[in-house]
Amino acid sequence: MKRFKISIISAAVAACMAIMPVTAFAHGAWFAKRSDRTQLVVGEGWKDNSYNPKGLLKMIAYNSSYMQTDIKSLKGKDYIYIEPKSDVSVVYVELDYGYWSNTPEGKWVPYPMDKVKGSTVGTHAIKYSVNYLGNVDKVKPLDNMLYQLVPSVDPTKLKVGEKFTVQLLHNGKPMANVKIIPDVINHHTEAIKTDKNGIATVEASNGGVNVIGCEMEVPYENEGIDNKATRSKVFVSLSFTLYPEEED
């Protein structure tokens, strides 16, 4: 599996980057049912977006004890879907969403800066997503992940309206003062900040798919190497699905 290389920034720099404002184009990634498939969705609010399946950088599946297990990913024309086995509880995804450059007229186009004449601002977008598809024995952070949102409890066991906390980690260390979007799907313009320990209190808002996320601007990983972008933007998300209780 191809691995994405990104510059490692210190905790101090990470904290500085964390307080930069969230843009209106906060596109997250999560799994949801689409036409009876478990599809990797990229979007914000009510809107889903197409993407290049070749942008998949990493996909790792875990069982209920956080032991790695096999997972099959398949590629459609402009999306990815999975066929998880019954033992898959958590799936971690890294997705390269590509380059976006601002034209002299102020329009954003999906090309690197060196392909857009007159562009002076460009973004490289990367998605980091932890997805709970099933129950786990005891929640814990995933090992060796650059960014992740860690729930305080097994989110698949929550009921709609129940509150819990999430912790934002960068290389295993908490990130303070970062704006967290508690409900990316239905209220993506509302945000709260993490405390000094990288923790924020959120709510299981939806009877269905729940997505919690945050967007941060960080230094472009290939600065000084190429002219494709002037910055990178990462979107970190946590997703889970609450199903209605079955009636007798």
C-alpha atoms as a PDB file:
ATOM      1  CA  MET A   1       0.000   0.000   0.000  1.00  0.00           C
ATOM      2  CA  LYS A   2       1.373   3.400  -0.927  1.00  0.00           C
ATOM      3  CA  ARG A   3       2.141   5.575   2.085  1.00  0.00           C
ATOM      4  CA  PHE A   4       1.788   9.310   2.208  1.00  0.00           C
ATOM      5  CA  LYS A   5       4.804  11.331   3.334  1.00  0.00           C
ATOM      6  CA  ILE A   6       4.120  14.544   5.173  1.00  0.00           C
ATOM      7  CA  SER A   7       6.475  16.761   7.103  1.00  0.00           C
ATOM      8  CA  ILE A   8       6.378  16.266  10.855  1.00  0.00           C
ATOM      9  CA  ILE A   9       5.726  19.525  12.658  1.00  0.00           C
ATOM     10  CA  SER A  10       6.494  20.172  16.296  1.00  0.00           C
ATOM     11  CA  ALA A  11       3.812  20.399  18.953  1.00  0.00           C
ATOM     12  CA  ALA A  12       4.344  24.146  19.163  1.00  0.00           C
ATOM     13  CA  VAL A  13       3.876  24.625  15.444  1.00  0.00           C
ATOM     14  CA  ALA A  14       0.879  22.297  15.480  1.00  0.00           C
ATOM     15  CA  ALA A  15      -0.748  24.377  18.179  1.00  0.00           C
ATOM     16  CA  CYS A  16      -0.157  27.532  16.158  1.00  0.00           C
ATOM     17  CA  MET A  17      -1.647  25.973  13.035  1.00  0.00           C
ATOM     18  CA  ALA A  18      -4.612  24.686  15.022  1.00  0.00           C
ATOM     19  CA  ILE A  19      -6.014  28.118  15.754  1.00  0.00           C
ATOM     20  CA  MET A  20      -6.198  29.111  12.096  1.00  0.00           C
ATOM     21  CA  PRO A  21      -9.794  29.575  10.965  1.00  0.00           C
ATOM     22  CA  VAL A  22     -11.814  26.750   9.458  1.00  0.00           C
ATOM     23  CA  THR A  23     -12.808  27.429   5.856  1.00  0.00           C
ATOM     24  CA  ALA A  24     -16.301  27.062   4.497  1.00  0.00           C
ATOM     25  CA  PHE A  25     -15.070  24.176   2.328  1.00  0.00           C
ATOM     26  CA  ALA A  26     -14.496  21.670   5.129  1.00  0.00           C
ATOM     27  CA  HIS A  27     -14.856  18.393   3.241  1.00  0.00           C
ATOM     28  CA  GLY A  28     -14.560  15.316   5.422  1.00  0.00           C
ATOM     29  CA  ALA A  29     -14.398  11.594   4.650  1.00  0.00           C
ATOM     30  CA  TRP A  30     -16.499   8.823   6.174  1.00  0.00           C
ATOM     31  CA  PHE A  31     -18.207   5.538   5.363  1.00  0.00           C
ATOM     32  CA  ALA A  32     -21.927   5.387   4.616  1.00  0.00           C
ATOM     33  CA  LYS A  33     -24.347   3.102   2.833  1.00  0.00           C
ATOM     34  CA  ARG A  34     -24.836   4.051  -0.810  1.00  0.00           C
ATOM     35  CA  SER A  35     -26.875   1.710  -3.052  1.00  0.00           C
ATOM     36  CA  ASP A  36     -26.322  -1.194  -0.617  1.00  0.00           C
ATOM     37  CA  ARG A  37     -22.568  -0.573  -0.603  1.00  0.00           C
ATOM     38  CA  THR A  38     -20.366   0.670   2.213  1.00  0.00           C
ATOM     39  CA  GLN A  39     -18.889   3.635   0.371  1.00  0.00           C
ATOM     40  CA  LEU A  40     -16.185   6.095   1.330  1.00  0.00           C
ATOM     41  CA  VAL A  41     -17.980   9.422   1.113  1.00  0.00           C
ATOM     42  CA  VAL A  42     -16.253  12.791   0.773  1.00  0.00           C
ATOM     43  CA  GLY A  43     -18.312  15.889   1.420  1.00  0.00           C
ATOM     44  CA  GLU A  44     -19.784  18.400   3.830  1.00  0.00           C
ATOM     45  CA  GLY A  45     -23.316  18.898   5.024  1.00  0.00           C
ATOM     46  CA  TRP A  46     -25.832  17.508   2.560  1.00  0.00           C
ATOM     47  CA  LYS A  47     -23.402  17.464  -0.354  1.00  0.00           C
ATOM     48  CA  ASP A  48     -21.244  14.519  -1.435  1.00  0.00           C
ATOM     49  CA  ASN A  49     -18.343  15.000  -3.837  1.00  0.00           C
ATOM     50  CA  SER A  50     -16.724  12.752  -6.405  1.00  0.00           C
ATOM     51  CA  TYR A  51     -13.011  12.032  -5.974  1.00  0.00           C
ATOM     52  CA  ASN A  52     -10.187  10.100  -7.584  1.00  0.00           C
ATOM     53  CA  PRO A  53      -9.996   6.562  -6.120  1.00  0.00           C
ATOM     54  CA  LYS A  54      -6.260   6.605  -6.827  1.00  0.00           C
ATOM     55  CA  GLY A  55      -5.996   9.122  -3.993  1.00  0.00           C
ATOM     56  CA  LEU A  56      -6.372   6.343  -1.419  1.00  0.00           C
ATOM     57  CA  LEU A  57      -3.103   6.388   0.518  1.00  0.00           C
ATOM     58  CA  LYS A  58      -3.831   4.046   3.368  1.00  0.00           C
ATOM     59  CA  MET A  59      -6.662   1.836   4.586  1.00  0.00           C
ATOM     60  CA  ILE A  60      -6.277  -0.316   7.702  1.00  0.00           C
ATOM     61  CA  ALA A  61      -8.976  -2.439   9.318  1.00  0.00           C
ATOM     62  CA  TYR A  62      -9.095  -3.541  12.961  1.00  0.00           C
ATOM     63  CA  ASN A  63     -11.173  -6.063  14.863  1.00  0.00           C
ATOM     64  CA  SER A  64     -12.863  -5.413  18.217  1.00  0.00           C
ATOM     65  CA  SER A  65      -9.511  -5.836  20.022  1.00  0.00           C
ATOM     66  CA  TYR A  66      -7.715  -3.403  17.667  1.00  0.00           C
ATOM     67  CA  MET A  67      -5.792  -6.177  15.983  1.00  0.00           C
ATOM     68  CA  GLN A  68      -5.319  -5.563  12.273  1.00  0.00           C
ATOM     69  CA  THR A  69      -7.507  -7.650  10.008  1.00  0.00           C
ATOM     70  CA  ASP A  70      -8.089  -7.972   6.283  1.00  0.00           C
ATOM     71  CA  ILE A  71     -10.347  -5.650   4.341  1.00  0.00           C
ATOM     72  CA  LYS A  72     -11.172  -5.477   0.667  1.00  0.00           C
ATOM     73  CA  SER A  73     -11.437  -2.096  -1.022  1.00  0.00           C
ATOM     74  CA  LEU A  74     -12.877  -1.676  -4.506  1.00  0.00           C
ATOM     75  CA  LYS A  75     -12.742   1.305  -6.817  1.00  0.00           C
ATOM     76  CA  GLY A  76     -15.585   2.769  -8.820  1.00  0.00           C
ATOM     77  CA  LYS A  77     -15.202   5.536 -11.380  1.00  0.00           C
ATOM     78  CA  ASP A  78     -15.130   8.335  -8.797  1.00  0.00           C
ATOM     79  CA  TYR A  79     -15.476   6.624  -5.430  1.00  0.00           C
ATOM     80  CA  ILE A  80     -14.209   3.770  -3.228  1.00  0.00           C
ATOM     81  CA  TYR A  81     -16.264   1.164  -1.440  1.00  0.00           C
ATOM     82  CA  ILE A  82     -15.417  -1.703   0.884  1.00  0.00           C
ATOM     83  CA  GLU A  83     -16.661  -5.198   1.607  1.00  0.00           C
ATOM     84  CA  PRO A  84     -15.846  -5.557   5.312  1.00  0.00           C
ATOM     85  CA  LYS A  85     -15.881  -8.995   6.904  1.00  0.00           C
ATOM     86  CA  SER A  86     -17.862  -9.598  10.067  1.00  0.00           C
ATOM     87  CA  ASP A  87     -14.788  -9.128  12.275  1.00  0.00           C
ATOM     88  CA  VAL A  88     -14.079  -5.562  11.070  1.00  0.00           C
ATOM     89  CA  SER A  89     -14.879  -3.000  13.789  1.00  0.00           C
ATOM     90  CA  VAL A  90     -12.744   0.024  12.875  1.00  0.00           C
ATOM     91  CA  VAL A  91     -11.375   1.262   9.553  1.00  0.00           C
ATOM     92  CA  TYR A  92      -8.705   3.969   9.266  1.00  0.00           C
ATOM     93  CA  VAL A  93      -8.359   5.857   5.990  1.00  0.00           C
ATOM     94  CA  GLU A  94      -5.932   8.399   4.562  1.00  0.00           C
ATOM     95  CA  LEU A  95      -7.083  10.003   1.327  1.00  0.00           C
ATOM     96  CA  ASP A  96      -5.260  12.478  -0.895  1.00  0.00           C
ATOM     97  CA  TYR A  97      -8.032  14.767  -2.147  1.00  0.00           C
ATOM     98  CA  GLY A  98      -5.704  16.472  -4.586  1.00  0.00           C
ATOM     99  CA  TYR A  99      -4.646  20.043  -5.336  1.00  0.00           C
ATOM    100  CA  TRP A 100      -6.820  23.138  -5.489  1.00  0.00           C
ATOM    101  CA  SER A 101      -5.541  26.471  -6.807  1.00  0.00           C
ATOM    102  CA  ASN A 102      -6.959  29.973  -6.741  1.00  0.00           C
ATOM    103  CA  THR A 103      -7.122  31.697 -10.130  1.00  0.00           C
ATOM    104  CA  PRO A 104      -6.383  35.424 -10.616  1.00  0.00           C
ATOM    105  CA  GLU A 105     -10.183  35.844 -10.835  1.00  0.00           C
ATOM    106  CA  GLY A 106     -10.605  34.347  -7.360  1.00  0.00           C
ATOM    107  CA  LYS A 107     -12.039  30.998  -8.428  1.00  0.00           C
ATOM    108  CA  TRP A 108     -10.851  27.695  -6.950  1.00  0.00           C
ATOM    109  CA  VAL A 109     -10.039  24.998  -9.523  1.00  0.00           C
ATOM    110  CA  PRO A 110      -8.938  21.364  -8.949  1.00  0.00           C
ATOM    111  CA  TYR A 111      -5.390  21.653 -10.287  1.00  0.00           C
ATOM    112  CA  PRO A 112      -1.942  22.252  -8.767  1.00  0.00           C
ATOM    113  CA  MET A 113      -0.609  25.810  -8.951  1.00  0.00           C
ATOM    114  CA  ASP A 114       1.977  24.981 -11.608  1.00  0.00           C
ATOM    115  CA  LYS A 115      -0.936  24.142 -13.934  1.00  0.00           C
ATOM    116  CA  VAL A 116      -2.888  27.348 -13.243  1.00  0.00           C
ATOM    117  CA  LYS A 117      -1.414  30.490 -14.801  1.00  0.00           C
ATOM    118  CA  GLY A 118      -1.191  33.393 -12.370  1.00  0.00           C
ATOM    119  CA  SER A 119      -2.159  31.401  -9.275  1.00  0.00           C
ATOM    120  CA  THR A 120      -0.469  32.551  -6.064  1.00  0.00           C
ATOM    121  CA  VAL A 121      -2.374  30.418  -3.538  1.00  0.00           C
ATOM    122  CA  GLY A 122      -2.772  26.657  -3.721  1.00  0.00           C
ATOM    123  CA  THR A 123      -3.936  23.951  -1.334  1.00  0.00           C
ATOM    124  CA  HIS A 124      -3.073  20.284  -1.032  1.00  0.00           C
ATOM    125  CA  ALA A 125      -5.992  18.529   0.708  1.00  0.00           C
ATOM    126  CA  ILE A 126      -5.593  15.347   2.763  1.00  0.00           C
ATOM    127  CA  LYS A 127      -8.256  13.431   4.709  1.00  0.00           C
ATOM    128  CA  TYR A 128      -7.631  11.362   7.852  1.00  0.00           C
ATOM    129  CA  SER A 129     -10.625   9.322   8.948  1.00  0.00           C
ATOM    130  CA  VAL A 130     -11.347   6.852  11.777  1.00  0.00           C
ATOM    131  CA  ASN A 131     -14.577   4.932  11.209  1.00  0.00           C
ATOM    132  CA  TYR A 132     -16.338   2.704  13.732  1.00  0.00           C
ATOM    133  CA  LEU A 133     -18.301   0.076  11.812  1.00  0.00           C
ATOM    134  CA  GLY A 134     -18.848  -2.235  14.798  1.00  0.00           C
ATOM    135  CA  ASN A 135     -18.373  -2.619  18.534  1.00  0.00           C
ATOM    136  CA  VAL A 136     -14.954  -2.653  20.212  1.00  0.00           C
ATOM    137  CA  ASP A 137     -13.864  -4.164  23.527  1.00  0.00           C
ATOM    138  CA  LYS A 138     -12.244  -1.013  24.914  1.00  0.00           C
ATOM    139  CA  VAL A 139     -11.661   2.232  23.022  1.00  0.00           C
ATOM    140  CA  LYS A 140      -8.050   3.287  22.508  1.00  0.00           C
ATOM    141  CA  PRO A 141      -6.030   5.414  20.062  1.00  0.00           C
ATOM    142  CA  LEU A 142      -4.766   3.750  16.911  1.00  0.00           C
ATOM    143  CA  ASP A 143      -1.017   3.209  16.824  1.00  0.00           C
ATOM    144  CA  ASN A 144       1.300   5.299  14.651  1.00  0.00           C
ATOM    145  CA  MET A 145      -1.277   7.585  13.052  1.00  0.00           C
ATOM    146  CA  LEU A 146      -0.435  11.165  12.117  1.00  0.00           C
ATOM    147  CA  TYR A 147      -3.863  12.592  12.997  1.00  0.00           C
ATOM    148  CA  GLN A 148      -6.886  11.032  14.662  1.00  0.00           C
ATOM    149  CA  LEU A 149      -9.975  11.811  16.719  1.00  0.00           C
ATOM    150  CA  VAL A 150     -10.349   9.350  19.593  1.00  0.00           C
ATOM    151  CA  PRO A 151     -13.756   8.833  21.251  1.00  0.00           C
ATOM    152  CA  SER A 152     -13.950   8.373  25.026  1.00  0.00           C
ATOM    153  CA  VAL A 153     -16.445   5.509  24.644  1.00  0.00           C
ATOM    154  CA  ASP A 154     -17.463   3.031  21.982  1.00  0.00           C
ATOM    155  CA  PRO A 155     -19.575   5.370  19.844  1.00  0.00           C
ATOM    156  CA  THR A 156     -21.565   2.529  18.294  1.00  0.00           C
ATOM    157  CA  LYS A 157     -23.113   1.829  21.720  1.00  0.00           C
ATOM    158  CA  LEU A 158     -24.405   5.373  22.234  1.00  0.00           C
ATOM    159  CA  LYS A 159     -27.990   6.511  21.953  1.00  0.00           C
ATOM    160  CA  VAL A 160     -29.084   9.618  20.073  1.00  0.00           C
ATOM    161  CA  GLY A 161     -28.594  12.670  22.268  1.00  0.00           C
ATOM    162  CA  GLU A 162     -25.943  11.144  24.533  1.00  0.00           C
ATOM    163  CA  LYS A 163     -22.837  13.248  25.131  1.00  0.00           C
ATOM    164  CA  PHE A 164     -19.262  12.000  25.102  1.00  0.00           C
ATOM    165  CA  THR A 165     -15.799  13.422  24.535  1.00  0.00           C
ATOM    166  CA  VAL A 166     -13.317  13.169  21.701  1.00  0.00           C
ATOM    167  CA  GLN A 167      -9.594  13.847  21.817  1.00  0.00           C
ATOM    168  CA  LEU A 168      -7.662  15.201  18.844  1.00  0.00           C
ATOM    169  CA  LEU A 169      -4.175  13.724  18.520  1.00  0.00           C
ATOM    170  CA  HIS A 170      -1.248  14.582  16.261  1.00  0.00           C
ATOM    171  CA  ASN A 171       1.448  11.908  16.377  1.00  0.00           C
ATOM    172  CA  GLY A 172      -0.157  10.714  19.599  1.00  0.00           C
ATOM    173  CA  LYS A 173      -0.035  14.124  21.290  1.00  0.00           C
ATOM    174  CA  PRO A 174      -3.109  16.253  22.108  1.00  0.00           C
ATOM    175  CA  MET A 175      -3.856  19.354  20.052  1.00  0.00           C
ATOM    176  CA  ALA A 176      -5.333  22.280  21.990  1.00  0.00           C
ATOM    177  CA  ASN A 177      -7.558  25.128  20.747  1.00  0.00           C
ATOM    178  CA  VAL A 178      -8.630  23.360  17.565  1.00  0.00           C
ATOM    179  CA  LYS A 179     -12.119  23.968  16.210  1.00  0.00           C
ATOM    180  CA  ILE A 180     -14.125  20.743  16.193  1.00  0.00           C
ATOM    181  CA  ILE A 181     -17.276  20.369  14.098  1.00  0.00           C
ATOM    182  CA  PRO A 182     -19.606  18.163  16.203  1.00  0.00           C
ATOM    183  CA  ASP A 183     -21.956  17.330  13.315  1.00  0.00           C
ATOM    184  CA  VAL A 184     -20.309  17.534   9.894  1.00  0.00           C
ATOM    185  CA  ILE A 185     -23.367  16.221   8.067  1.00  0.00           C
ATOM    186  CA  ASN A 186     -26.152  18.422   9.452  1.00  0.00           C
ATOM    187  CA  HIS A 187     -24.489  21.414  11.144  1.00  0.00           C
ATOM    188  CA  HIS A 188     -21.090  21.787   9.508  1.00  0.00           C
ATOM    189  CA  THR A 189     -20.867  25.534  10.206  1.00  0.00           C
ATOM    190  CA  GLU A 190     -21.006  25.085  14.000  1.00  0.00           C
ATOM    191  CA  ALA A 191     -17.784  24.448  15.918  1.00  0.00           C
ATOM    192  CA  ILE A 192     -16.349  24.169  19.424  1.00  0.00           C
ATOM    193  CA  LYS A 193     -12.711  24.235  20.549  1.00  0.00           C
ATOM    194  CA  THR A 194     -10.631  21.534  22.154  1.00  0.00           C
ATOM    195  CA  ASP A 195      -9.250  22.234  25.634  1.00  0.00           C
ATOM    196  CA  LYS A 196      -5.595  22.132  26.690  1.00  0.00           C
ATOM    197  CA  ASN A 197      -5.710  18.324  26.541  1.00  0.00           C
ATOM    198  CA  GLY A 198      -7.152  18.275  23.040  1.00  0.00           C
ATOM    199  CA  ILE A 199     -10.567  17.230  24.354  1.00  0.00           C
ATOM    200  CA  ALA A 200     -14.011  18.461  23.321  1.00  0.00           C
ATOM    201  CA  THR A 201     -17.483  17.380  24.417  1.00  0.00           C
ATOM    202  CA  VAL A 202     -19.793  16.381  21.579  1.00  0.00           C
ATOM    203  CA  GLU A 203     -23.117  14.629  21.113  1.00  0.00           C
ATOM    204  CA  ALA A 204     -24.366  11.631  19.178  1.00  0.00           C
ATOM    205  CA  SER A 205     -26.684  13.781  17.103  1.00  0.00           C
ATOM    206  CA  ASN A 206     -28.096  11.493  14.462  1.00  0.00           C
ATOM    207  CA  GLY A 207     -30.047   8.280  14.282  1.00  0.00           C
ATOM    208  CA  GLY A 208     -27.875   7.117  11.419  1.00  0.00           C
ATOM    209  CA  VAL A 209     -24.437   8.294  10.325  1.00  0.00           C
ATOM    210  CA  ASN A 210     -22.596  10.634  12.715  1.00  0.00           C
ATOM    211  CA  VAL A 211     -19.458  12.471  11.603  1.00  0.00           C
ATOM    212  CA  ILE A 212     -17.300  14.639  13.872  1.00  0.00           C
ATOM    213  CA  GLY A 213     -14.394  16.483  12.305  1.00  0.00           C
ATOM    214  CA  CYS A 214     -11.962  19.356  12.113  1.00  0.00           C
ATOM    215  CA  GLU A 215     -10.023  21.118   9.380  1.00  0.00           C
ATOM    216  CA  MET A 216      -6.554  22.567   9.898  1.00  0.00           C
ATOM    217  CA  GLU A 217      -4.116  24.445   7.723  1.00  0.00           C
ATOM    218  CA  VAL A 218      -0.555  23.136   8.007  1.00  0.00           C
ATOM    219  CA  PRO A 219       2.695  23.793   6.119  1.00  0.00           C
ATOM    220  CA  TYR A 220       2.842  22.305   2.624  1.00  0.00           C
ATOM    221  CA  GLU A 221       4.880  19.103   2.892  1.00  0.00           C
ATOM    222  CA  ASN A 222       6.805  19.733  -0.355  1.00  0.00           C
ATOM    223  CA  GLU A 223       7.574  23.407   0.251  1.00  0.00           C
ATOM    224  CA  GLY A 224      10.763  24.317  -1.591  1.00  0.00           C
ATOM    225  CA  ILE A 225      10.575  21.112  -3.639  1.00  0.00           C
ATOM    226  CA  ASP A 226       7.752  21.874  -6.056  1.00  0.00           C
ATOM    227  CA  ASN A 227       5.340  24.692  -6.894  1.00  0.00           C
ATOM    228  CA  LYS A 228       2.091  22.741  -6.658  1.00  0.00           C
ATOM    229  CA  ALA A 229       0.752  24.392  -3.484  1.00  0.00           C
ATOM    230  CA  THR A 230       1.506  26.978  -0.823  1.00  0.00           C
ATOM    231  CA  ARG A 231      -0.180  25.107   2.037  1.00  0.00           C
ATOM    232  CA  SER A 232      -1.813  21.840   3.008  1.00  0.00           C
ATOM    233  CA  LYS A 233      -5.199  21.403   4.625  1.00  0.00           C
ATOM    234  CA  VAL A 234      -5.997  18.307   6.615  1.00  0.00           C
ATOM    235  CA  PHE A 235      -9.467  17.199   7.600  1.00  0.00           C
ATOM    236  CA  VAL A 236      -9.588  14.774  10.518  1.00  0.00           C
ATOM    237  CA  SER A 237     -12.831  12.913  11.139  1.00  0.00           C
ATOM    238  CA  LEU A 238     -14.475  10.300  13.339  1.00  0.00           C
ATOM    239  CA  SER A 239     -17.566   8.494  12.070  1.00  0.00           C
ATOM    240  CA  PHE A 240     -20.009   5.923  13.416  1.00  0.00           C
ATOM    241  CA  THR A 241     -23.560   4.809  12.713  1.00  0.00           C
ATOM    242  CA  LEU A 242     -26.396   4.454  15.209  1.00  0.00           C
ATOM    243  CA  TYR A 243     -29.065   1.975  14.209  1.00  0.00           C
ATOM    244  CA  PRO A 244     -32.631   1.945  15.579  1.00  0.00           C
ATOM    245  CA  GLU A 245     -33.382  -0.723  18.143  1.00  0.00           C
ATOM    246  CA  GLU A 246     -35.160  -3.705  16.665  1.00  0.00           C
ATOM    247  CA  GLU A 247     -38.724  -4.268  17.788  1.00  0.00           C
ATOM    248  CA  ASP A 248     -40.080  -7.691  18.697  1.00  0.00           C
END
